Amino acid sequence: MKAKNFDKKFDDGESIIGDLDLSKARRPEQEQKRVNVDFPVWMIQSLDKEARRLGVPRQSIIKMWLAEKLERAAS
């Protein structure tokens, strides 16, 4: 498909998902990298308590709080 036709299809509100090769799509700076962090037991217990209260996994709490802290530090 030519770019002109692709743009028109998009501009007309038609779905272009079928025209994209998403097999190699990536979100820059959003790739995951595994790290190991050791926490004291009391901290794990507090994280688990808060995670249960919010109904999310412990990892989500950690990511959310780190992201908030990093955003505040950047501004």
N, C-alpha and C. Protein backbone atom coordinates (compact mmCIF):
# COMPACT_ATOMS: atom_id res chain seq x y z
N MET A 1 0.85 -1.17 0.00
CA MET A 1 0.00 0.00 0.00
C MET A 1 0.90 1.24 0.00
N LYS A 2 0.53 2.19 -0.78
CA LYS A 2 1.28 3.43 -0.84
C LYS A 2 0.95 4.30 0.37
N ALA A 3 1.90 5.12 0.77
CA ALA A 3 1.74 5.98 1.94
C ALA A 3 0.51 6.88 1.81
N LYS A 4 0.25 7.36 0.60
CA LYS A 4 -0.90 8.23 0.36
C LYS A 4 -2.20 7.50 0.70
N ASN A 5 -2.31 6.26 0.26
CA ASN A 5 -3.52 5.47 0.53
C ASN A 5 -3.62 5.13 2.01
N PHE A 6 -2.48 4.83 2.61
CA PHE A 6 -2.44 4.52 4.04
C PHE A 6 -2.91 5.73 4.85
N ASP A 7 -2.38 6.90 4.53
CA ASP A 7 -2.76 8.14 5.22
C ASP A 7 -4.25 8.44 5.05
N LYS A 8 -4.76 8.24 3.84
CA LYS A 8 -6.17 8.50 3.59
C LYS A 8 -7.06 7.57 4.42
N LYS A 9 -6.67 6.31 4.46
CA LYS A 9 -7.42 5.33 5.23
C LYS A 9 -7.45 5.75 6.71
N PHE A 10 -6.30 6.15 7.23
CA PHE A 10 -6.20 6.60 8.62
C PHE A 10 -7.05 7.85 8.84
N ASP A 11 -6.89 8.83 7.96
CA ASP A 11 -7.63 10.09 8.08
C ASP A 11 -9.14 9.89 7.99
N ASP A 12 -9.56 8.87 7.26
CA ASP A 12 -10.99 8.58 7.12
C ASP A 12 -11.53 7.79 8.31
N GLY A 13 -10.66 7.49 9.26
CA GLY A 13 -11.10 6.78 10.46
C GLY A 13 -11.19 5.28 10.30
N GLU A 14 -10.67 4.76 9.20
CA GLU A 14 -10.68 3.31 9.00
C GLU A 14 -9.56 2.67 9.79
N SER A 15 -9.73 1.41 10.14
CA SER A 15 -8.70 0.69 10.87
C SER A 15 -7.51 0.40 9.96
N ILE A 16 -6.33 0.69 10.45
CA ILE A 16 -5.11 0.42 9.68
C ILE A 16 -4.29 -0.71 10.31
N ILE A 17 -4.81 -1.30 11.38
CA ILE A 17 -4.08 -2.34 12.10
C ILE A 17 -3.71 -3.49 11.17
N GLY A 18 -4.62 -3.90 10.32
CA GLY A 18 -4.35 -5.00 9.39
C GLY A 18 -3.27 -4.68 8.39
N ASP A 19 -2.98 -3.42 8.20
CA ASP A 19 -1.95 -3.00 7.24
C ASP A 19 -0.58 -2.84 7.88
N LEU A 20 -0.49 -3.05 9.18
CA LEU A 20 0.78 -2.88 9.89
C LEU A 20 1.39 -4.23 10.23
N ASP A 21 2.72 -4.29 10.19
CA ASP A 21 3.44 -5.48 10.65
C ASP A 21 3.86 -5.20 12.09
N LEU A 22 3.08 -5.72 13.03
CA LEU A 22 3.33 -5.46 14.45
C LEU A 22 4.29 -6.47 15.07
N SER A 23 4.79 -7.42 14.28
CA SER A 23 5.65 -8.46 14.83
C SER A 23 6.96 -7.90 15.38
N LYS A 24 7.39 -6.78 14.86
CA LYS A 24 8.64 -6.19 15.34
C LYS A 24 8.44 -4.80 15.96
N ALA A 25 7.18 -4.50 16.27
CA ALA A 25 6.89 -3.20 16.87
C ALA A 25 7.46 -3.15 18.28
N ARG A 26 7.92 -1.98 18.68
CA ARG A 26 8.43 -1.80 20.04
C ARG A 26 8.17 -0.38 20.48
N ARG A 27 8.16 -0.18 21.77
CA ARG A 27 7.96 1.15 22.33
C ARG A 27 9.30 1.60 22.88
N PRO A 28 9.91 2.60 22.26
CA PRO A 28 11.24 3.04 22.72
C PRO A 28 11.25 3.38 24.21
N GLU A 29 12.28 2.94 24.87
CA GLU A 29 12.51 3.16 26.29
C GLU A 29 11.46 2.50 27.17
N GLN A 30 10.68 1.56 26.61
CA GLN A 30 9.68 0.84 27.39
C GLN A 30 10.02 -0.64 27.50
N GLU A 31 11.18 -1.04 26.93
CA GLU A 31 11.59 -2.44 27.02
C GLU A 31 11.79 -2.80 28.48
N GLN A 32 11.55 -4.06 28.79
CA GLN A 32 11.70 -4.54 30.16
C GLN A 32 13.10 -5.09 30.38
N LYS A 33 13.63 -4.87 31.56
CA LYS A 33 14.89 -5.46 31.96
C LYS A 33 14.73 -5.92 33.40
N ARG A 34 15.06 -7.17 33.65
CA ARG A 34 14.89 -7.75 34.97
C ARG A 34 16.05 -7.32 35.87
N VAL A 35 15.70 -6.92 37.09
CA VAL A 35 16.70 -6.59 38.11
C VAL A 35 16.30 -7.28 39.41
N ASN A 36 17.28 -7.57 40.21
CA ASN A 36 17.02 -8.17 41.52
C ASN A 36 17.30 -7.14 42.60
N VAL A 37 16.38 -7.00 43.51
CA VAL A 37 16.53 -6.05 44.61
C VAL A 37 16.17 -6.79 45.90
N ASP A 38 17.02 -6.65 46.89
CA ASP A 38 16.74 -7.26 48.19
C ASP A 38 16.12 -6.22 49.11
N PHE A 39 14.99 -6.60 49.73
CA PHE A 39 14.30 -5.73 50.66
C PHE A 39 14.25 -6.40 52.03
N PRO A 40 14.25 -5.62 53.10
CA PRO A 40 14.04 -6.21 54.43
C PRO A 40 12.62 -6.77 54.53
N VAL A 41 12.46 -7.77 55.38
CA VAL A 41 11.18 -8.45 55.53
C VAL A 41 10.05 -7.48 55.86
N TRP A 42 10.30 -6.52 56.75
CA TRP A 42 9.25 -5.58 57.13
C TRP A 42 8.75 -4.79 55.92
N MET A 43 9.67 -4.50 54.97
CA MET A 43 9.30 -3.73 53.80
C MET A 43 8.43 -4.58 52.86
N ILE A 44 8.79 -5.84 52.71
CA ILE A 44 8.00 -6.75 51.88
C ILE A 44 6.59 -6.89 52.46
N GLN A 45 6.51 -7.02 53.77
CA GLN A 45 5.20 -7.14 54.41
C GLN A 45 4.35 -5.90 54.18
N SER A 46 4.99 -4.73 54.28
CA SER A 46 4.24 -3.48 54.04
C SER A 46 3.81 -3.37 52.58
N LEU A 47 4.70 -3.75 51.67
CA LEU A 47 4.36 -3.73 50.24
C LEU A 47 3.20 -4.68 49.95
N ASP A 48 3.25 -5.87 50.52
CA ASP A 48 2.19 -6.84 50.30
C ASP A 48 0.86 -6.35 50.86
N LYS A 49 0.90 -5.72 52.01
CA LYS A 49 -0.33 -5.20 52.62
C LYS A 49 -0.96 -4.14 51.72
N GLU A 50 -0.14 -3.23 51.22
CA GLU A 50 -0.65 -2.18 50.34
C GLU A 50 -1.13 -2.76 49.01
N ALA A 51 -0.40 -3.73 48.50
CA ALA A 51 -0.80 -4.38 47.24
C ALA A 51 -2.16 -5.06 47.40
N ARG A 52 -2.36 -5.75 48.50
CA ARG A 52 -3.66 -6.39 48.75
C ARG A 52 -4.76 -5.34 48.86
N ARG A 53 -4.46 -4.24 49.55
CA ARG A 53 -5.47 -3.19 49.70
C ARG A 53 -5.90 -2.64 48.35
N LEU A 54 -4.95 -2.48 47.44
CA LEU A 54 -5.26 -1.94 46.11
C LEU A 54 -5.66 -3.01 45.11
N GLY A 55 -5.47 -4.28 45.47
CA GLY A 55 -5.83 -5.36 44.57
C GLY A 55 -4.91 -5.52 43.38
N VAL A 56 -3.62 -5.25 43.61
CA VAL A 56 -2.64 -5.37 42.53
C VAL A 56 -1.45 -6.19 43.04
N PRO A 57 -0.62 -6.71 42.15
CA PRO A 57 0.57 -7.45 42.59
C PRO A 57 1.61 -6.53 43.23
N ARG A 58 2.46 -7.10 44.06
CA ARG A 58 3.53 -6.35 44.72
C ARG A 58 4.38 -5.60 43.69
N GLN A 59 4.70 -6.25 42.59
CA GLN A 59 5.54 -5.64 41.57
C GLN A 59 4.92 -4.34 41.04
N SER A 60 3.61 -4.31 40.92
CA SER A 60 2.94 -3.10 40.43
C SER A 60 3.10 -1.94 41.40
N ILE A 61 3.00 -2.22 42.68
CA ILE A 61 3.19 -1.18 43.70
C ILE A 61 4.60 -0.61 43.60
N ILE A 62 5.57 -1.50 43.51
CA ILE A 62 6.97 -1.05 43.43
C ILE A 62 7.19 -0.19 42.20
N LYS A 63 6.71 -0.65 41.04
CA LYS A 63 6.87 0.12 39.80
C LYS A 63 6.18 1.47 39.89
N MET A 64 4.96 1.47 40.42
CA MET A 64 4.18 2.70 40.52
C MET A 64 4.89 3.72 41.41
N TRP A 65 5.33 3.27 42.59
CA TRP A 65 5.97 4.20 43.52
C TRP A 65 7.31 4.69 42.99
N LEU A 66 8.08 3.82 42.36
CA LEU A 66 9.35 4.26 41.78
C LEU A 66 9.13 5.27 40.66
N ALA A 67 8.13 5.00 39.83
CA ALA A 67 7.83 5.93 38.73
C ALA A 67 7.43 7.30 39.27
N GLU A 68 6.59 7.32 40.31
CA GLU A 68 6.17 8.59 40.92
C GLU A 68 7.37 9.35 41.46
N LYS A 69 8.25 8.65 42.16
CA LYS A 69 9.43 9.28 42.76
C LYS A 69 10.35 9.83 41.68
N LEU A 70 10.57 9.05 40.61
CA LEU A 70 11.44 9.50 39.53
C LEU A 70 10.86 10.69 38.78
N GLU A 71 9.54 10.70 38.60
CA GLU A 71 8.89 11.84 37.93
C GLU A 71 9.04 13.10 38.77
N ARG A 72 8.84 12.98 40.09
CA ARG A 72 9.01 14.16 40.96
C ARG A 72 10.45 14.64 40.94
N ALA A 73 11.39 13.71 40.96
CA ALA A 73 12.81 14.10 40.97
C ALA A 73 13.21 14.79 39.66
N ALA A 74 12.55 14.39 38.56
CA ALA A 74 12.88 14.97 37.24
C ALA A 74 12.32 16.37 37.08
N SER A 75 11.27 16.71 37.85
CA SER A 75 10.65 18.03 37.66
C SER A 75 11.15 19.04 38.67
